[in-house]
Each structure stands twice: as structure tokens, then as C-alpha cells.
Amino acid sequence: MRMLDNVVFLVEDEPPPEDPELLGVYDGVPLTERGDLWAAGALPDRIVLFRGPLARMCHDIEELTDEIAVTVVHEIAHHFGIEEEALHDLGWG
């Protein structure tokens, strides 16, 4: 976690209505796109997990725990500038 820079993790009940199956989202500026002066006064990046879709897609606590881990890794990867296609290719999609 030391490599994460200015990130907050949040849990919300449901995603926006336009994407009801969304499990998580990264909202911020990836490390690969930040300049030297980026952090001056910047609000933290946000990684949000959505409790409802995660719980509905899983049949037991073990499956839920695994899916949360995959979702967290997926969103952290976006913080490091890894694009969606690369994540799918790596099996984290």
C-alpha cells in the first residue's frame, strides 16, 4: 500500500443508475499521468466499491471475498495507469 499515492477507498451501496452492475470504480488521475506539481492541493483519488452488485453476484462469503479482492486489484491497477484491455488480458478484468 505504500506505493499508492493520495488514494481513499470508499464503499457505497449502489452504483450510478446508468451502470447498475458496476462493481467498483477508480476516480482520479493515474500515476502515469501526473506531473511534478500535480499533488499541490489535489483531492485524493477515489476507489469506490459497490456493495449491492458485489453481494448480488456472489453465492457465499468466500466468493464475495474473492470478488472484492479482484475488484480492489482491478481499481488499484487503474491508479497505476493500467488500462482496461490490459487488465482483461492479465485476467483481472
N, C-alpha and C. Protein backbone atom coordinates (compact mmCIF):
# COMPACT_ATOMS: atom_id res chain seq x y z
N MET A 1 0.80 -1.20 0.00
CA MET A 1 0.00 0.00 0.00
C MET A 1 0.85 1.27 0.00
N ARG A 2 2.13 1.16 0.29
CA ARG A 2 2.98 2.34 0.31
C ARG A 2 3.10 2.98 -1.06
N MET A 3 2.87 2.20 -2.11
CA MET A 3 3.02 2.73 -3.46
C MET A 3 1.80 3.55 -3.91
N LEU A 4 0.69 3.40 -3.21
CA LEU A 4 -0.49 4.19 -3.53
C LEU A 4 -0.23 5.62 -3.10
N ASP A 5 -0.61 6.56 -3.94
CA ASP A 5 -0.33 7.97 -3.66
C ASP A 5 -1.63 8.78 -3.66
N ASN A 6 -2.03 9.22 -2.47
CA ASN A 6 -3.18 10.11 -2.35
C ASN A 6 -4.46 9.44 -2.85
N VAL A 7 -4.79 8.28 -2.24
CA VAL A 7 -5.97 7.50 -2.63
C VAL A 7 -6.81 7.20 -1.40
N VAL A 8 -8.11 7.31 -1.54
CA VAL A 8 -9.04 6.93 -0.49
C VAL A 8 -9.93 5.81 -1.02
N PHE A 9 -10.23 4.83 -0.16
CA PHE A 9 -11.12 3.72 -0.50
C PHE A 9 -12.46 3.95 0.16
N LEU A 10 -13.53 3.80 -0.61
CA LEU A 10 -14.88 4.01 -0.11
C LEU A 10 -15.77 2.84 -0.52
N VAL A 11 -16.84 2.64 0.25
CA VAL A 11 -17.86 1.65 -0.10
C VAL A 11 -19.19 2.38 -0.14
N GLU A 12 -19.90 2.20 -1.24
CA GLU A 12 -21.25 2.75 -1.38
C GLU A 12 -22.21 1.60 -1.64
N ASP A 13 -23.48 1.83 -1.35
CA ASP A 13 -24.46 0.76 -1.53
C ASP A 13 -24.66 0.37 -2.98
N GLU A 14 -24.86 1.36 -3.85
CA GLU A 14 -25.19 1.07 -5.25
C GLU A 14 -24.42 2.00 -6.18
N PRO A 15 -24.15 1.52 -7.39
CA PRO A 15 -23.50 2.36 -8.41
C PRO A 15 -24.52 3.32 -9.03
N PRO A 16 -24.06 4.20 -9.89
CA PRO A 16 -25.00 5.10 -10.58
C PRO A 16 -26.03 4.30 -11.39
N PRO A 17 -27.23 4.82 -11.52
CA PRO A 17 -28.30 4.10 -12.23
C PRO A 17 -27.94 3.71 -13.66
N GLU A 18 -27.07 4.50 -14.31
CA GLU A 18 -26.73 4.18 -15.70
C GLU A 18 -25.82 2.96 -15.84
N ASP A 19 -25.25 2.47 -14.73
CA ASP A 19 -24.40 1.28 -14.77
C ASP A 19 -24.64 0.42 -13.53
N PRO A 20 -25.84 -0.19 -13.42
CA PRO A 20 -26.26 -0.86 -12.19
C PRO A 20 -25.44 -2.10 -11.80
N GLU A 21 -24.67 -2.64 -12.71
CA GLU A 21 -23.87 -3.83 -12.41
C GLU A 21 -22.41 -3.51 -12.10
N LEU A 22 -22.07 -2.24 -12.05
CA LEU A 22 -20.70 -1.82 -11.78
C LEU A 22 -20.28 -2.26 -10.38
N LEU A 23 -19.14 -2.94 -10.29
CA LEU A 23 -18.65 -3.44 -9.01
C LEU A 23 -17.78 -2.44 -8.28
N GLY A 24 -17.01 -1.67 -9.05
CA GLY A 24 -16.12 -0.69 -8.46
C GLY A 24 -15.71 0.31 -9.50
N VAL A 25 -15.11 1.41 -9.04
CA VAL A 25 -14.68 2.44 -9.97
C VAL A 25 -13.47 3.17 -9.38
N TYR A 26 -12.56 3.54 -10.26
CA TYR A 26 -11.43 4.40 -9.90
C TYR A 26 -11.74 5.79 -10.45
N ASP A 27 -11.66 6.78 -9.60
CA ASP A 27 -11.92 8.16 -9.99
C ASP A 27 -10.71 8.98 -9.57
N GLY A 28 -9.88 9.33 -10.53
CA GLY A 28 -8.69 10.10 -10.19
C GLY A 28 -7.77 10.27 -11.37
N VAL A 29 -6.55 10.65 -11.07
CA VAL A 29 -5.51 10.85 -12.08
C VAL A 29 -4.47 9.75 -11.89
N PRO A 30 -4.34 8.83 -12.85
CA PRO A 30 -3.36 7.76 -12.71
C PRO A 30 -1.94 8.31 -12.50
N LEU A 31 -1.14 7.55 -11.79
CA LEU A 31 0.23 7.97 -11.51
C LEU A 31 1.00 8.26 -12.80
N THR A 32 0.69 7.53 -13.86
CA THR A 32 1.39 7.72 -15.13
C THR A 32 1.06 9.03 -15.81
N GLU A 33 0.02 9.72 -15.35
CA GLU A 33 -0.41 10.98 -15.97
C GLU A 33 -0.15 12.20 -15.09
N ARG A 34 0.42 11.98 -13.92
CA ARG A 34 0.67 13.09 -13.00
C ARG A 34 2.00 13.76 -13.31
N GLY A 35 2.00 15.07 -13.27
CA GLY A 35 3.24 15.82 -13.43
C GLY A 35 3.87 16.10 -12.07
N ASP A 36 4.98 16.78 -12.07
CA ASP A 36 5.71 17.07 -10.84
C ASP A 36 4.90 17.92 -9.86
N LEU A 37 4.05 18.80 -10.36
CA LEU A 37 3.30 19.70 -9.49
C LEU A 37 1.88 19.22 -9.22
N TRP A 38 1.56 18.01 -9.64
CA TRP A 38 0.19 17.53 -9.56
C TRP A 38 -0.37 17.57 -8.13
N ALA A 39 0.34 17.13 -7.15
CA ALA A 39 -0.21 16.90 -5.81
C ALA A 39 -0.49 18.18 -5.04
N ALA A 40 -0.02 19.31 -5.47
CA ALA A 40 -0.23 20.54 -4.73
C ALA A 40 -1.72 20.86 -4.61
N GLY A 41 -2.31 20.53 -3.47
CA GLY A 41 -3.71 20.84 -3.21
C GLY A 41 -4.71 19.89 -3.85
N ALA A 42 -4.26 18.81 -4.45
CA ALA A 42 -5.18 17.88 -5.12
C ALA A 42 -5.96 17.05 -4.11
N LEU A 43 -7.24 16.87 -4.39
CA LEU A 43 -8.04 15.95 -3.59
C LEU A 43 -7.57 14.53 -3.86
N PRO A 44 -7.79 13.62 -2.92
CA PRO A 44 -7.37 12.23 -3.16
C PRO A 44 -8.14 11.58 -4.30
N ASP A 45 -7.47 10.67 -4.99
CA ASP A 45 -8.17 9.80 -5.92
C ASP A 45 -9.12 8.95 -5.10
N ARG A 46 -10.16 8.44 -5.75
CA ARG A 46 -11.15 7.63 -5.04
C ARG A 46 -11.28 6.26 -5.71
N ILE A 47 -11.26 5.24 -4.89
CA ILE A 47 -11.62 3.90 -5.34
C ILE A 47 -12.88 3.55 -4.57
N VAL A 48 -13.96 3.32 -5.32
CA VAL A 48 -15.26 3.06 -4.71
C VAL A 48 -15.69 1.65 -5.07
N LEU A 49 -16.06 0.87 -4.05
CA LEU A 49 -16.66 -0.45 -4.24
C LEU A 49 -18.15 -0.32 -4.00
N PHE A 50 -18.93 -1.07 -4.78
CA PHE A 50 -20.38 -1.00 -4.67
C PHE A 50 -20.92 -2.30 -4.06
N ARG A 51 -21.40 -2.18 -2.85
CA ARG A 51 -21.83 -3.32 -2.04
C ARG A 51 -22.93 -4.13 -2.72
N GLY A 52 -23.95 -3.49 -3.26
CA GLY A 52 -25.10 -4.20 -3.83
C GLY A 52 -24.74 -5.16 -4.94
N PRO A 53 -24.11 -4.68 -6.02
CA PRO A 53 -23.78 -5.60 -7.11
C PRO A 53 -22.81 -6.71 -6.68
N LEU A 54 -21.86 -6.38 -5.83
CA LEU A 54 -20.93 -7.41 -5.35
C LEU A 54 -21.68 -8.50 -4.59
N ALA A 55 -22.55 -8.11 -3.70
CA ALA A 55 -23.30 -9.09 -2.90
C ALA A 55 -24.25 -9.91 -3.77
N ARG A 56 -24.90 -9.27 -4.73
CA ARG A 56 -25.87 -9.98 -5.57
C ARG A 56 -25.22 -11.00 -6.50
N MET A 57 -24.00 -10.75 -6.93
CA MET A 57 -23.38 -11.67 -7.88
C MET A 57 -22.71 -12.87 -7.22
N CYS A 58 -22.57 -12.83 -5.90
CA CYS A 58 -21.85 -13.89 -5.19
C CYS A 58 -22.82 -14.76 -4.38
N HIS A 59 -22.50 -16.05 -4.31
CA HIS A 59 -23.40 -17.00 -3.65
C HIS A 59 -23.03 -17.26 -2.20
N ASP A 60 -21.80 -16.94 -1.79
CA ASP A 60 -21.40 -17.16 -0.40
C ASP A 60 -20.27 -16.19 -0.05
N ILE A 61 -19.90 -16.18 1.22
CA ILE A 61 -18.90 -15.23 1.71
C ILE A 61 -17.53 -15.46 1.07
N GLU A 62 -17.19 -16.69 0.78
CA GLU A 62 -15.91 -16.98 0.14
C GLU A 62 -15.85 -16.37 -1.26
N GLU A 63 -16.90 -16.57 -2.01
CA GLU A 63 -16.97 -16.00 -3.36
C GLU A 63 -16.96 -14.47 -3.29
N LEU A 64 -17.67 -13.90 -2.31
CA LEU A 64 -17.71 -12.45 -2.15
C LEU A 64 -16.32 -11.91 -1.80
N THR A 65 -15.63 -12.58 -0.90
CA THR A 65 -14.28 -12.16 -0.52
C THR A 65 -13.35 -12.18 -1.72
N ASP A 66 -13.43 -13.22 -2.54
CA ASP A 66 -12.59 -13.31 -3.74
C ASP A 66 -12.93 -12.20 -4.73
N GLU A 67 -14.22 -11.94 -4.94
CA GLU A 67 -14.63 -10.92 -5.90
C GLU A 67 -14.23 -9.52 -5.43
N ILE A 68 -14.31 -9.27 -4.15
CA ILE A 68 -13.85 -7.98 -3.61
C ILE A 68 -12.36 -7.82 -3.87
N ALA A 69 -11.58 -8.87 -3.65
CA ALA A 69 -10.13 -8.80 -3.88
C ALA A 69 -9.83 -8.50 -5.35
N VAL A 70 -10.52 -9.17 -6.25
CA VAL A 70 -10.32 -8.94 -7.69
C VAL A 70 -10.69 -7.50 -8.05
N THR A 71 -11.79 -7.03 -7.50
CA THR A 71 -12.25 -5.66 -7.81
C THR A 71 -11.27 -4.62 -7.27
N VAL A 72 -10.76 -4.82 -6.08
CA VAL A 72 -9.78 -3.89 -5.50
C VAL A 72 -8.51 -3.88 -6.34
N VAL A 73 -8.00 -5.04 -6.70
CA VAL A 73 -6.79 -5.11 -7.54
C VAL A 73 -7.04 -4.40 -8.86
N HIS A 74 -8.19 -4.63 -9.45
CA HIS A 74 -8.56 -4.02 -10.74
C HIS A 74 -8.53 -2.49 -10.63
N GLU A 75 -9.15 -1.95 -9.60
CA GLU A 75 -9.21 -0.49 -9.47
C GLU A 75 -7.86 0.11 -9.09
N ILE A 76 -7.08 -0.58 -8.26
CA ILE A 76 -5.73 -0.11 -7.94
C ILE A 76 -4.88 -0.08 -9.21
N ALA A 77 -5.05 -1.06 -10.07
CA ALA A 77 -4.30 -1.10 -11.33
C ALA A 77 -4.58 0.15 -12.15
N HIS A 78 -5.82 0.63 -12.15
CA HIS A 78 -6.13 1.88 -12.86
C HIS A 78 -5.35 3.05 -12.25
N HIS A 79 -5.19 3.06 -10.93
CA HIS A 79 -4.41 4.10 -10.25
C HIS A 79 -2.97 4.11 -10.79
N PHE A 80 -2.46 2.94 -11.12
CA PHE A 80 -1.10 2.83 -11.66
C PHE A 80 -1.04 2.99 -13.17
N GLY A 81 -2.18 3.32 -13.79
CA GLY A 81 -2.21 3.61 -15.21
C GLY A 81 -2.42 2.42 -16.11
N ILE A 82 -2.81 1.29 -15.56
CA ILE A 82 -3.06 0.10 -16.38
C ILE A 82 -4.47 0.19 -16.95
N GLU A 83 -4.57 0.09 -18.25
CA GLU A 83 -5.84 0.26 -18.96
C GLU A 83 -6.70 -1.00 -18.87
N GLU A 84 -7.98 -0.83 -19.15
CA GLU A 84 -8.97 -1.90 -19.06
C GLU A 84 -8.59 -3.13 -19.90
N GLU A 85 -8.18 -2.90 -21.13
CA GLU A 85 -7.84 -4.01 -22.02
C GLU A 85 -6.68 -4.84 -21.46
N ALA A 86 -5.66 -4.17 -20.95
CA ALA A 86 -4.52 -4.88 -20.37
C ALA A 86 -4.95 -5.68 -19.15
N LEU A 87 -5.84 -5.14 -18.34
CA LEU A 87 -6.34 -5.87 -17.16
C LEU A 87 -7.07 -7.14 -17.58
N HIS A 88 -7.88 -7.04 -18.61
CA HIS A 88 -8.59 -8.23 -19.12
C HIS A 88 -7.59 -9.26 -19.64
N ASP A 89 -6.57 -8.80 -20.36
CA ASP A 89 -5.56 -9.71 -20.88
C ASP A 89 -4.81 -10.42 -19.75
N LEU A 90 -4.65 -9.74 -18.62
CA LEU A 90 -3.94 -10.31 -17.47
C LEU A 90 -4.86 -11.14 -16.56
N GLY A 91 -6.16 -11.19 -16.89
CA GLY A 91 -7.09 -11.98 -16.10
C GLY A 91 -7.71 -11.24 -14.93
N TRP A 92 -7.58 -9.92 -14.89
CA TRP A 92 -8.14 -9.10 -13.82
C TRP A 92 -9.31 -8.26 -14.32
N GLY A 93 -9.95 -8.68 -15.39
CA GLY A 93 -11.00 -7.88 -16.00
C GLY A 93 -12.35 -8.03 -15.48
